């Protein structure tokens, strides 16, 4: 239903915790769009 997404993140602390968020909102009754 949605296009494939890939992320590559570098330079972060290996012992720290991180959260990655992706928000997908309805553009109309039939379509969705990525919103950042």
N, C-alpha and C. Protein backbone atom coordinates (compact mmCIF):
# COMPACT_ATOMS: atom_id res chain seq x y z
N UNK A 1 0.81 -1.19 0.00
CA UNK A 1 0.00 0.00 0.00
C UNK A 1 0.86 1.26 0.00
N UNK A 2 1.95 1.26 0.76
CA UNK A 2 2.83 2.42 0.82
C UNK A 2 4.17 2.07 0.18
N UNK A 3 4.88 3.05 -0.31
CA UNK A 3 6.20 2.77 -0.90
C UNK A 3 7.18 2.30 0.18
N UNK A 4 8.15 1.52 -0.25
CA UNK A 4 9.17 1.03 0.68
C UNK A 4 10.02 2.19 1.16
N UNK A 5 10.37 2.17 2.43
CA UNK A 5 11.21 3.23 2.99
C UNK A 5 12.43 2.59 3.64
N UNK A 6 13.60 3.18 3.40
CA UNK A 6 14.83 2.71 4.02
C UNK A 6 15.50 3.89 4.70
N UNK A 7 16.10 3.63 5.86
CA UNK A 7 16.80 4.66 6.61
C UNK A 7 18.19 4.14 6.95
N UNK A 8 19.16 5.00 6.83
CA UNK A 8 20.51 4.68 7.28
C UNK A 8 20.94 5.81 8.21
N UNK A 9 21.23 5.45 9.44
CA UNK A 9 21.61 6.43 10.45
C UNK A 9 22.99 6.07 10.95
N UNK A 10 23.87 7.05 11.04
CA UNK A 10 25.22 6.79 11.54
C UNK A 10 25.63 7.90 12.50
N UNK A 11 26.67 7.63 13.26
CA UNK A 11 27.21 8.62 14.17
C UNK A 11 26.47 8.76 15.48
N UNK A 12 25.60 7.80 15.81
CA UNK A 12 24.85 7.86 17.06
C UNK A 12 25.56 7.05 18.14
N UNK A 13 25.25 7.34 19.38
CA UNK A 13 25.80 6.60 20.51
C UNK A 13 25.15 5.22 20.57
N UNK A 14 25.96 4.17 20.54
CA UNK A 14 25.44 2.80 20.53
C UNK A 14 24.72 2.44 21.83
N UNK A 15 25.02 3.12 22.92
CA UNK A 15 24.40 2.80 24.21
C UNK A 15 23.15 3.64 24.48
N UNK A 16 22.89 4.62 23.66
CA UNK A 16 21.72 5.49 23.84
C UNK A 16 20.51 4.87 23.16
N UNK A 17 19.33 5.33 23.56
CA UNK A 17 18.08 4.87 22.95
C UNK A 17 17.51 5.99 22.08
N UNK A 18 17.02 5.62 20.91
CA UNK A 18 16.48 6.59 19.97
C UNK A 18 15.11 6.12 19.48
N UNK A 19 14.30 7.06 19.03
CA UNK A 19 12.99 6.75 18.46
C UNK A 19 12.91 7.41 17.09
N UNK A 20 12.46 6.67 16.09
CA UNK A 20 12.25 7.19 14.75
C UNK A 20 10.75 7.17 14.48
N UNK A 21 10.18 8.32 14.15
CA UNK A 21 8.74 8.43 13.93
C UNK A 21 8.44 8.77 12.48
N UNK A 22 7.38 8.20 11.96
CA UNK A 22 6.89 8.49 10.62
C UNK A 22 5.39 8.72 10.72
N UNK A 23 4.94 9.85 10.24
CA UNK A 23 3.52 10.20 10.33
C UNK A 23 2.92 10.14 8.93
N UNK A 24 1.87 9.34 8.75
CA UNK A 24 1.17 9.21 7.48
C UNK A 24 -0.25 9.70 7.70
N UNK A 25 -0.63 10.75 6.99
CA UNK A 25 -1.95 11.36 7.19
C UNK A 25 -2.81 11.19 5.94
N UNK A 26 -4.11 11.16 6.14
CA UNK A 26 -5.04 11.02 5.01
C UNK A 26 -5.06 12.31 4.19
N UNK A 27 -4.85 12.19 2.88
CA UNK A 27 -4.92 13.35 1.99
C UNK A 27 -6.36 13.60 1.58
N UNK A 28 -7.13 12.53 1.44
CA UNK A 28 -8.57 12.61 1.19
C UNK A 28 -9.16 11.26 1.61
N UNK A 29 -10.33 10.91 1.16
CA UNK A 29 -10.95 9.65 1.57
C UNK A 29 -10.28 8.41 1.00
N UNK A 30 -9.43 8.56 -0.02
CA UNK A 30 -8.87 7.40 -0.70
C UNK A 30 -7.35 7.37 -0.72
N UNK A 31 -6.68 8.49 -0.43
CA UNK A 31 -5.22 8.55 -0.55
C UNK A 31 -4.58 8.98 0.76
N UNK A 32 -3.35 8.55 0.93
CA UNK A 32 -2.55 8.96 2.09
C UNK A 32 -1.29 9.64 1.59
N UNK A 33 -0.70 10.50 2.40
CA UNK A 33 0.55 11.15 2.04
C UNK A 33 1.46 11.14 3.26
N UNK A 34 2.76 11.20 3.00
CA UNK A 34 3.74 11.26 4.08
C UNK A 34 3.81 12.69 4.59
N UNK A 35 3.85 12.84 5.88
CA UNK A 35 3.88 14.17 6.50
C UNK A 35 5.02 14.20 7.49
N UNK A 36 5.96 15.15 7.32
CA UNK A 36 7.08 15.23 8.26
C UNK A 36 7.27 16.63 8.75
